[in-house]
């Protein structure tokens, strides 16, 4: 007789393991199937966590090499890449072991292997079939490659390979000017690589606020990154010495040739649904290969649900986590809610870039009347004391109700500062609410307050 569960989750990434923990907390007998030997999915193993470890370490190296002397700390740093990678691996190991502990604490069954849905209520892993009242698909996403360009994780690498380089390349070409490309591109640029970013669109960070994108590119160029915009890579040939790339204008035209020691493919990710048996059981997919779900995260097959990167919406770990919690609570007979307009996005470069809600471009396209307030970090006492004055905060509010419609930040600690705007938006608050809230002095948070004041043309410090 097969083992029976109340809920079986496919995938142990942020969405899957969080959903499993919440299901267990609510009294459901829960199992998680994961193809990796370690828990945590792409995020903890080869994504969010290791990349942040390298970003933080490379920032310290950059500071020691170029900026600390201005504050009277004179050092001559030497890069020890092996130790830096050891630090990164240690961070990953600690995090994945932490998930193992949480599984044991919550009595969650961990099943290692590839899952295949046989029918609603039945999942096969290897030669064993498990029965469950509910199936949650949280299998995440995979790297997208360009046609004709093979990722070998040695010379032409994905984000996974870019986190494992054994030496700093003399030159690196990053295909894609989005979040992943810029984060990993800046890591290797700080460590000494000559980095060129090739982006199909006319600017970096597609989808973000136009002013933020423009400012980010300007700052990154001063840091040494080079950009080829409105361009596409049509071929990449690996030789024993380097990689030869052929690059054309996005709209067609005369091609140029580039050479690089390493090429990082960072044009995006796609839902990972291969081998799950979705076609056999009748789970519907949309035109982009994402699983179609209703407002309860249920697929076209009763009892089969999906969350995270495999469904529509931003491919973000925290979005998947929230969906996992909400779905677990719904399965337990409770209610749940997620406002997709209040999901923040962060780019962990330096300075950081963070955004929530609507951009100015989106508001204009929708014909919504709004007011904009902007305040620079240059005018903030704490930012000056830290020597981190690049960037600004922008707050967008409805012209009539003053309700915050969006907030966009480029500057020190942007990923933390954005949370104030997220919280206020969740409670349908206004720019005036932020402006009338006392903010500690001297802190970077004052820049958010001043931007809110600027919505009504009354900032204090400019």
Protein backbone atom coordinates (compact mmCIF):
# COMPACT_ATOMS: atom_id res chain seq x y z
CA UNK A 1 0.00 0.00 0.00
CA UNK A 2 1.35 3.44 -0.96
CA UNK A 3 2.05 6.08 1.67
CA UNK A 4 -0.78 8.62 2.09
CA UNK A 5 -0.42 12.37 2.65
CA UNK A 6 -2.76 15.31 3.05
CA UNK A 7 -0.47 17.44 0.89
CA UNK A 8 2.48 16.64 -1.37
CA UNK A 9 4.66 19.47 -2.67
CA UNK A 10 6.81 19.13 -5.78
CA UNK A 11 9.89 21.32 -5.36
CA UNK A 12 11.73 22.48 -2.23
CA UNK A 13 12.50 26.04 -3.31
CA UNK A 14 11.18 29.08 -1.39
CA UNK A 15 7.60 28.54 -2.57
CA UNK A 16 7.61 24.79 -2.00
CA UNK A 17 9.33 24.56 1.37
CA UNK A 18 7.36 27.49 2.80
CA UNK A 19 4.07 25.99 1.57
CA UNK A 20 5.06 22.68 3.15
CA UNK A 21 5.94 24.24 6.50
CA UNK A 22 2.66 26.17 6.63
CA UNK A 23 0.68 23.04 5.67
CA UNK A 24 2.40 21.13 8.48
CA UNK A 25 1.74 23.95 10.95
CA UNK A 26 -1.94 23.69 10.06
CA UNK A 27 -2.01 20.01 10.92
CA UNK A 28 -1.63 18.44 7.48
CA UNK A 29 0.57 15.39 6.94
CA UNK A 30 2.99 16.81 4.37
CA UNK A 31 5.69 15.56 2.01
CA UNK A 32 8.07 17.39 -0.32
CA UNK A 33 9.69 15.86 -3.41
CA UNK A 34 12.95 17.49 -4.48
CA UNK A 35 15.29 16.40 -7.29
CA UNK A 36 18.37 18.01 -5.69
CA UNK A 37 20.19 16.36 -2.81
CA UNK A 38 19.89 19.62 -0.87
CA UNK A 39 16.76 21.62 -0.05
CA UNK A 40 16.13 25.26 -0.92
CA UNK A 41 15.78 25.08 -4.70
CA UNK A 42 17.54 27.38 -7.15
CA UNK A 43 17.34 30.33 -4.75
CA UNK A 44 19.29 28.86 -1.85
CA UNK A 45 21.62 26.62 -3.87
CA UNK A 46 22.56 28.47 -7.06
CA UNK A 47 20.63 31.75 -7.05
CA UNK A 48 19.58 34.40 -4.55
CA UNK A 49 21.72 33.35 -1.59
CA UNK A 50 25.12 32.53 -3.16
CA UNK A 51 24.90 35.56 -5.44
CA UNK A 52 24.28 37.85 -2.45
CA UNK A 53 27.25 36.31 -0.65
CA UNK A 54 29.51 37.16 -3.61
CA UNK A 55 27.92 40.58 -4.07
CA UNK A 56 28.57 41.45 -0.42
CA UNK A 57 32.14 40.10 -0.45
CA UNK A 58 33.00 41.85 -3.72
CA UNK A 59 31.55 45.12 -2.36
CA UNK A 60 33.96 44.89 0.59
CA UNK A 61 36.87 44.29 -1.78
CA UNK A 62 35.80 47.25 -3.92
CA UNK A 63 35.49 49.50 -0.86
CA UNK A 64 38.89 48.50 0.45
CA UNK A 65 40.50 49.04 -2.93
CA UNK A 66 38.91 52.35 -3.93
CA UNK A 67 36.85 54.04 -1.21
CA UNK A 68 38.03 53.38 2.36
CA UNK A 69 41.11 55.57 1.99
CA UNK A 70 38.83 58.60 1.62
CA UNK A 71 37.67 57.95 5.20
CA UNK A 72 41.17 57.51 6.55
CA UNK A 73 41.36 53.73 6.35
CA UNK A 74 44.31 52.93 4.12
CA UNK A 75 44.76 49.33 3.05
CA UNK A 76 46.10 47.40 0.08
CA UNK A 77 43.63 44.52 -0.37
CA UNK A 78 44.59 41.26 -2.01
CA UNK A 79 41.89 39.12 -3.61
CA UNK A 80 41.68 35.54 -2.38
CA UNK A 81 38.99 34.16 -4.67
CA UNK A 82 39.25 30.65 -3.23
CA UNK A 83 38.38 31.92 0.26
CA UNK A 84 35.61 34.13 -1.13
CA UNK A 85 34.06 31.09 -2.81
CA UNK A 86 34.48 29.12 0.42
CA UNK A 87 32.51 31.84 2.21
CA UNK A 88 29.79 31.65 -0.45
CA UNK A 89 29.57 27.86 -0.16
CA UNK A 90 29.43 28.06 3.63
CA UNK A 91 26.49 30.48 3.45
CA UNK A 92 24.66 28.11 1.08
CA UNK A 93 25.40 25.11 3.29
CA UNK A 94 24.14 26.85 6.42
CA UNK A 95 20.92 27.88 4.71
CA UNK A 96 20.13 24.48 3.21
CA UNK A 97 20.82 22.78 6.55
CA UNK A 98 18.46 25.28 8.10
CA UNK A 99 15.66 24.05 5.83
CA UNK A 100 16.49 20.45 6.77
CA UNK A 101 16.07 21.41 10.44
CA UNK A 102 12.73 23.09 9.73
CA UNK A 103 11.49 19.96 7.92
CA UNK A 104 12.39 17.79 10.90
CA UNK A 105 10.87 20.27 13.34
CA UNK A 106 7.59 20.29 11.42
CA UNK A 107 7.63 16.51 10.71
CA UNK A 108 7.70 17.00 6.93
CA UNK A 109 8.68 13.95 4.85
CA UNK A 110 11.53 14.72 2.44
CA UNK A 111 11.49 12.55 -0.70
CA UNK A 112 14.54 12.84 -2.95
CA UNK A 113 14.02 12.28 -6.68
CA UNK A 114 12.09 13.35 -9.75
CA UNK A 115 8.33 13.61 -9.32
CA UNK A 116 5.80 12.60 -11.95
CA UNK A 117 2.08 13.15 -11.49
CA UNK A 118 0.31 9.93 -12.46
CA UNK A 119 -3.17 11.28 -11.85
CA UNK A 120 -4.88 13.65 -9.44
CA UNK A 121 -3.89 12.43 -6.00
CA UNK A 122 -1.00 10.23 -7.12
CA UNK A 123 2.67 11.13 -7.55
CA UNK A 124 5.38 8.72 -8.62
CA UNK A 125 9.01 9.10 -7.53
CA UNK A 126 11.29 6.42 -8.89
CA UNK A 127 9.48 3.11 -8.46
CA UNK A 128 7.31 4.29 -5.59
CA UNK A 129 3.87 5.93 -5.82
CA UNK A 130 2.56 8.30 -3.15
CA UNK A 131 -1.08 9.18 -2.61
CA UNK A 132 -2.18 12.60 -1.47
CA UNK A 133 -5.32 14.68 -1.15
CA UNK A 134 -3.57 17.73 -2.62
CA UNK A 135 -0.64 18.19 -5.00
CA UNK A 136 1.23 21.52 -5.02
CA UNK A 137 3.53 22.13 -7.98
CA UNK A 138 6.36 24.46 -6.96
CA UNK A 139 9.02 23.27 -9.38
CA UNK A 140 10.43 26.73 -10.11
CA UNK A 141 12.15 27.88 -13.27
CA UNK A 142 15.14 27.18 -15.48
CA UNK A 143 17.60 29.23 -17.52
CA UNK A 144 16.64 30.39 -21.02
CA UNK A 145 19.34 30.03 -23.67
CA UNK A 146 19.58 31.68 -27.07
CA UNK A 147 19.06 29.41 -30.09
CA UNK A 148 22.33 27.99 -31.35
CA UNK A 149 24.33 29.05 -28.29
CA UNK A 150 25.02 26.16 -25.93
CA UNK A 151 25.59 26.77 -22.23
CA UNK A 152 28.46 24.51 -21.15
CA UNK A 153 28.95 26.11 -17.68
CA UNK A 154 32.65 26.46 -18.46
CA UNK A 155 33.08 29.15 -21.11
CA UNK A 156 29.44 30.01 -21.80
CA UNK A 157 27.81 30.00 -18.39
CA UNK A 158 24.41 30.55 -16.83
CA UNK A 159 24.06 32.18 -13.42
CA UNK A 160 24.95 28.78 -11.95
CA UNK A 161 28.32 28.66 -13.70
CA UNK A 162 28.99 32.34 -13.01
CA UNK A 163 28.85 31.55 -9.29
CA UNK A 164 31.53 28.86 -9.62
CA UNK A 165 34.32 30.46 -11.68
CA UNK A 166 37.72 29.39 -10.35
CA UNK A 167 39.49 32.54 -11.50
CA UNK A 168 38.61 36.09 -12.48
CA UNK A 169 38.26 36.30 -16.26
CA UNK A 170 40.08 39.08 -18.05
CA UNK A 171 36.92 39.80 -20.03
CA UNK A 172 33.27 38.85 -19.69
CA UNK A 173 30.29 39.49 -21.95
CA UNK A 174 26.92 39.43 -20.22
CA UNK A 175 23.99 38.72 -22.53
CA UNK A 176 21.03 40.43 -20.90
CA UNK A 177 20.84 43.68 -18.93
CA UNK A 178 18.29 42.51 -16.39
CA UNK A 179 18.65 41.76 -12.68
CA UNK A 180 20.74 38.57 -12.89
CA UNK A 181 23.08 39.89 -15.57
CA UNK A 182 23.78 43.13 -13.73
CA UNK A 183 24.25 41.53 -10.32
CA UNK A 184 26.74 38.92 -11.50
CA UNK A 185 28.30 41.30 -13.99
CA UNK A 186 29.10 43.75 -11.18
CA UNK A 187 30.56 40.96 -9.02
CA UNK A 188 33.16 40.04 -11.62
CA UNK A 189 33.73 43.65 -12.65
CA UNK A 190 34.63 44.56 -9.07
CA UNK A 191 37.01 41.62 -8.91
CA UNK A 192 38.85 42.79 -12.03
CA UNK A 193 37.05 41.56 -15.16
CA UNK A 194 36.38 43.85 -18.12
CA UNK A 195 32.60 43.45 -18.39
CA UNK A 196 30.38 44.33 -21.37
CA UNK A 197 26.60 43.97 -21.08
CA UNK A 198 24.62 43.37 -24.28
CA UNK A 199 20.92 44.20 -24.02
CA UNK A 200 18.22 43.78 -26.70
CA UNK A 201 16.15 46.69 -25.36
CA UNK A 202 17.15 50.35 -25.52
CA UNK A 203 18.10 50.43 -21.84
CA UNK A 204 18.93 48.14 -18.93
CA UNK A 205 16.49 46.80 -16.32
CA UNK A 206 13.44 46.33 -18.60
CA UNK A 207 10.14 46.96 -16.84
CA UNK A 208 11.51 49.30 -14.20
CA UNK A 209 10.84 53.03 -13.93
CA UNK A 210 12.47 54.97 -16.77
CA UNK A 211 14.27 57.48 -14.56
CA UNK A 212 15.66 54.70 -12.40
CA UNK A 213 16.91 52.80 -15.45
CA UNK A 214 18.66 55.89 -16.80
CA UNK A 215 20.29 56.69 -13.46
CA UNK A 216 21.37 53.08 -12.92
CA UNK A 217 23.10 52.89 -16.28
CA UNK A 218 24.91 56.17 -15.65
CA UNK A 219 26.18 54.97 -12.26
CA UNK A 220 27.17 51.52 -13.52
CA UNK A 221 29.13 53.08 -16.38
CA UNK A 222 31.13 55.16 -13.89
CA UNK A 223 31.92 51.87 -12.13
CA UNK A 224 33.39 50.45 -15.32
CA UNK A 225 30.59 48.43 -16.88
CA UNK A 226 30.19 48.84 -20.63
CA UNK A 227 26.83 48.60 -22.38
CA UNK A 228 25.77 47.71 -25.90
CA UNK A 229 22.05 48.50 -26.01
CA UNK A 230 19.49 47.72 -28.72
CA UNK A 231 21.78 44.85 -29.69
CA UNK A 232 21.52 41.08 -30.04
CA UNK A 233 24.02 38.23 -30.02
CA UNK A 234 23.49 36.02 -33.07
CA UNK A 235 26.33 33.56 -32.51
CA UNK A 236 29.01 32.58 -30.02
CA UNK A 237 31.82 30.25 -31.04
CA UNK A 238 34.11 28.78 -28.41
CA UNK A 239 37.79 28.34 -29.24
CA UNK A 240 40.61 27.02 -27.08
CA UNK A 241 41.59 30.59 -26.22
CA UNK A 242 38.36 32.59 -26.01
CA UNK A 243 34.79 33.04 -27.30
CA UNK A 244 34.02 34.87 -30.52
CA UNK A 245 30.65 36.61 -30.57
CA UNK A 246 28.75 38.12 -33.45
CA UNK A 247 26.57 41.06 -32.40
CA UNK A 248 23.99 42.85 -34.53
CA UNK A 249 21.67 45.81 -33.94
CA UNK A 250 18.33 44.60 -32.54
CA UNK A 251 16.48 45.92 -35.58
CA UNK A 252 19.01 44.48 -38.00
CA UNK A 253 22.10 45.96 -39.58
CA UNK A 254 25.84 45.59 -39.77
CA UNK A 255 27.27 43.03 -37.38
CA UNK A 256 30.34 43.50 -35.20
CA UNK A 257 32.59 40.97 -33.53
CA UNK A 258 33.49 40.73 -29.86
CA UNK A 259 35.81 38.44 -27.93
CA UNK A 260 35.51 37.35 -24.33
CA UNK A 261 37.02 34.83 -21.93
CA UNK A 262 33.60 34.12 -20.39
CA UNK A 263 30.07 34.69 -21.66
CA UNK A 264 27.23 34.86 -19.12
CA UNK A 265 23.78 34.00 -20.50
CA UNK A 266 21.25 36.03 -18.52
CA UNK A 267 18.27 36.66 -20.80
CA UNK A 268 15.69 35.32 -18.39
CA UNK A 269 14.13 32.16 -17.00
CA UNK A 270 11.30 29.83 -18.02
CA UNK A 271 8.87 27.71 -15.96
CA UNK A 272 10.27 24.28 -15.14
CA UNK A 273 7.53 21.76 -15.93
CA UNK A 274 9.47 19.06 -17.80
CA UNK A 275 8.84 15.47 -16.79
CA UNK A 276 6.01 16.25 -14.39
CA UNK A 277 3.44 14.48 -16.57
CA UNK A 278 1.22 17.55 -16.83
CA UNK A 279 0.08 16.80 -20.38
CA UNK A 280 -0.96 13.27 -19.42
CA UNK A 281 -3.16 14.41 -16.54
CA UNK A 282 -4.58 17.42 -18.39
CA UNK A 283 -3.00 20.36 -16.56
CA UNK A 284 -3.37 23.38 -18.86
CA UNK A 285 -0.45 25.66 -19.77
CA UNK A 286 -0.56 29.16 -21.25
CA UNK A 287 1.26 30.41 -24.35
CA UNK A 288 4.46 30.95 -22.33
CA UNK A 289 4.50 27.48 -20.83
CA UNK A 290 3.22 28.63 -17.43
CA UNK A 291 0.66 26.59 -15.52
CA UNK A 292 -2.79 28.17 -15.63
CA UNK A 293 -4.39 28.58 -12.19
CA UNK A 294 -7.51 30.22 -10.78
CA UNK A 295 -7.71 32.63 -7.82
CA UNK A 296 -7.25 29.66 -5.47
CA UNK A 297 -4.07 28.52 -7.29
CA UNK A 298 -5.90 25.44 -8.55
CA UNK A 299 -5.01 24.16 -12.01
CA UNK A 300 -7.43 22.80 -14.61
CA UNK A 301 -7.33 19.49 -12.70
CA UNK A 302 -9.10 19.39 -9.35
CA UNK A 303 -6.76 18.79 -6.43
CA UNK A 304 -3.63 19.91 -8.31
CA UNK A 305 -2.31 23.38 -7.46
CA UNK A 306 0.66 25.49 -8.58
CA UNK A 307 2.62 28.44 -7.15
CA UNK A 308 5.79 30.43 -7.78
CA UNK A 309 7.78 30.64 -11.00
CA UNK A 310 5.62 28.05 -12.80
CA UNK A 311 2.60 30.39 -12.81
CA UNK A 312 2.08 33.96 -14.04
CA UNK A 313 3.63 36.88 -12.21
CA UNK A 314 7.13 38.00 -11.27
CA UNK A 315 9.66 35.20 -10.77
CA UNK A 316 10.60 36.23 -7.25
CA UNK A 317 11.24 34.06 -4.19
CA UNK A 318 9.14 36.22 -1.88
CA UNK A 319 6.18 36.12 -4.29
CA UNK A 320 6.38 32.31 -4.27
CA UNK A 321 6.62 32.23 -0.48
CA UNK A 322 3.50 34.37 -0.03
CA UNK A 323 1.60 32.21 -2.51
CA UNK A 324 2.70 29.09 -0.63
CA UNK A 325 1.42 30.40 2.69
CA UNK A 326 -1.88 31.59 1.20
CA UNK A 327 -2.50 28.29 -0.58
CA UNK A 328 -1.75 26.27 2.58
CA UNK A 329 -4.22 28.37 4.53
CA UNK A 330 -6.86 27.97 1.84
CA UNK A 331 -6.40 24.20 1.90
CA UNK A 332 -6.98 24.35 5.65
CA UNK A 333 -10.28 26.17 5.13
CA UNK A 334 -8.95 29.63 5.90
CA UNK A 335 -8.88 32.65 3.58
CA UNK A 336 -5.83 34.20 1.98
CA UNK A 337 -4.95 37.26 -0.04
CA UNK A 338 -2.06 38.58 -2.12
CA UNK A 339 -1.87 41.99 -3.80
CA UNK A 340 0.48 41.52 -6.74
CA UNK A 341 0.84 45.29 -7.06
CA UNK A 342 2.54 45.32 -3.65
CA UNK A 343 5.34 42.86 -4.41
CA UNK A 344 8.72 44.62 -4.28
CA UNK A 345 11.54 43.92 -6.69
CA UNK A 346 15.19 44.50 -5.76
CA UNK A 347 18.44 44.56 -7.72
CA UNK A 348 21.36 43.91 -5.36
CA UNK A 349 23.98 45.89 -7.22
CA UNK A 350 25.63 48.90 -5.60
CA UNK A 351 23.79 51.10 -5.31
CA UNK A 352 20.79 48.86 -4.90
CA UNK A 353 17.68 49.37 -7.00
CA UNK A 354 14.21 48.69 -5.60
CA UNK A 355 10.70 49.14 -6.91
CA UNK A 356 7.08 48.49 -5.96
CA UNK A 357 3.80 49.30 -7.68
CA UNK A 358 3.35 51.26 -10.88
CA UNK A 359 6.05 53.06 -12.85
CA UNK A 360 5.48 56.51 -14.30
CA UNK A 361 5.34 54.95 -17.75
CA UNK A 362 2.60 52.53 -16.69
CA UNK A 363 0.53 55.30 -15.07
CA UNK A 364 0.77 57.48 -18.17
CA UNK A 365 -0.21 54.57 -20.41
CA UNK A 366 -3.24 53.85 -18.19
CA UNK A 367 -4.26 57.51 -18.20
CA UNK A 368 -4.05 57.79 -14.41
CA UNK A 369 -3.38 61.27 -13.05
CA UNK A 370 -0.63 61.25 -10.45
CA UNK A 371 1.87 63.39 -8.59
CA UNK A 372 5.55 62.58 -8.28
CA UNK A 373 7.88 63.40 -5.41
CA UNK A 374 11.63 62.87 -5.64
CA UNK A 375 14.47 63.36 -3.17
CA UNK A 376 18.22 62.73 -3.66
CA UNK A 377 20.48 60.84 -1.25
CA UNK A 378 22.98 63.66 -1.79
CA UNK A 379 20.83 65.85 0.49
CA UNK A 380 20.66 63.29 3.31
CA UNK A 381 23.02 63.65 6.27
CA UNK A 382 23.44 59.93 6.91
CA UNK A 383 24.18 59.20 3.24
CA UNK A 384 26.84 61.91 3.25
CA UNK A 385 28.39 60.50 6.42
CA UNK A 386 28.53 57.07 4.77
CA UNK A 387 29.97 58.45 1.54
CA UNK A 388 27.06 56.90 -0.35
CA UNK A 389 25.21 59.74 -2.03
CA UNK A 390 24.32 58.27 -5.43
CA UNK A 391 20.65 57.95 -6.36
CA UNK A 392 17.24 59.08 -5.20
CA UNK A 393 13.81 58.01 -3.95
CA UNK A 394 10.70 58.62 -6.05
CA UNK A 395 7.15 58.35 -4.69
CA UNK A 396 4.14 58.31 -7.03
CA UNK A 397 0.73 59.15 -5.60
CA UNK A 398 -2.79 59.43 -7.03
CA UNK A 399 -3.50 63.08 -7.90
CA UNK A 400 -6.88 63.13 -6.18
CA UNK A 401 -6.73 60.59 -3.33
CA UNK A 402 -2.97 60.84 -2.57
CA UNK A 403 -2.91 57.01 -2.37
CA UNK A 404 0.58 55.71 -3.13
CA UNK A 405 0.63 54.02 -6.51
CA UNK A 406 4.33 53.20 -6.69
CA UNK A 407 7.76 53.87 -5.22
CA UNK A 408 11.15 53.57 -6.89
CA UNK A 409 14.56 53.80 -5.25
CA UNK A 410 18.15 53.72 -6.40
CA UNK A 411 20.62 54.23 -3.62
CA UNK A 412 22.20 52.72 -0.49
CA UNK A 413 19.97 50.18 1.23
CA UNK A 414 17.21 50.53 -1.36
CA UNK A 415 16.10 46.93 -0.80
CA UNK A 416 15.37 47.69 2.85
CA UNK A 417 14.00 51.19 2.33
CA UNK A 418 11.37 50.02 -0.18
CA UNK A 419 9.58 48.08 2.55
CA UNK A 420 8.08 51.22 4.07
CA UNK A 421 6.34 51.98 0.79
CA UNK A 422 5.22 48.35 0.47
CA UNK A 423 3.64 48.39 3.93
CA UNK A 424 1.88 51.70 3.36
CA UNK A 425 0.57 50.50 -0.01
CA UNK A 426 -0.75 47.28 1.56
CA UNK A 427 -2.87 49.40 3.89
CA UNK A 428 -3.86 51.73 1.00
CA UNK A 429 -1.97 54.57 2.64
CA UNK A 430 -1.04 57.95 1.19
CA UNK A 431 2.05 60.04 0.61
CA UNK A 432 0.81 62.23 3.45
CA UNK A 433 0.84 59.19 5.76
CA UNK A 434 4.57 58.74 5.16
CA UNK A 435 5.23 62.49 5.32
CA UNK A 436 3.46 62.77 8.70
CA UNK A 437 5.28 59.76 10.21
CA UNK A 438 8.31 60.57 12.36
CA UNK A 439 11.51 59.11 10.92
CA UNK A 440 14.66 58.74 13.03
CA UNK A 441 17.51 61.17 12.35
CA UNK A 442 20.03 60.70 10.93
CA UNK A 443 18.89 57.73 8.83
CA UNK A 444 18.49 56.86 5.19
CA UNK A 445 14.75 56.42 5.82
CA UNK A 446 14.45 60.20 5.87
CA UNK A 447 14.95 60.19 2.12
CA UNK A 448 11.67 58.25 1.76
CA UNK A 449 9.90 60.79 3.99
CA UNK A 450 11.32 63.72 2.03
CA UNK A 451 10.22 62.13 -1.26
CA UNK A 452 6.71 61.80 0.18
CA UNK A 453 6.84 65.47 1.23
CA UNK A 454 8.00 66.33 -2.29
CA UNK A 455 4.77 64.87 -3.70
CA UNK A 456 3.11 68.01 -2.30
CA UNK A 457 6.05 70.32 -3.07
CA UNK A 458 7.22 70.72 0.52
CA UNK A 459 10.47 68.81 1.03
CA UNK A 460 12.51 70.32 3.86
CA UNK A 461 16.12 69.67 2.93
CA UNK A 462 16.31 70.74 -0.70
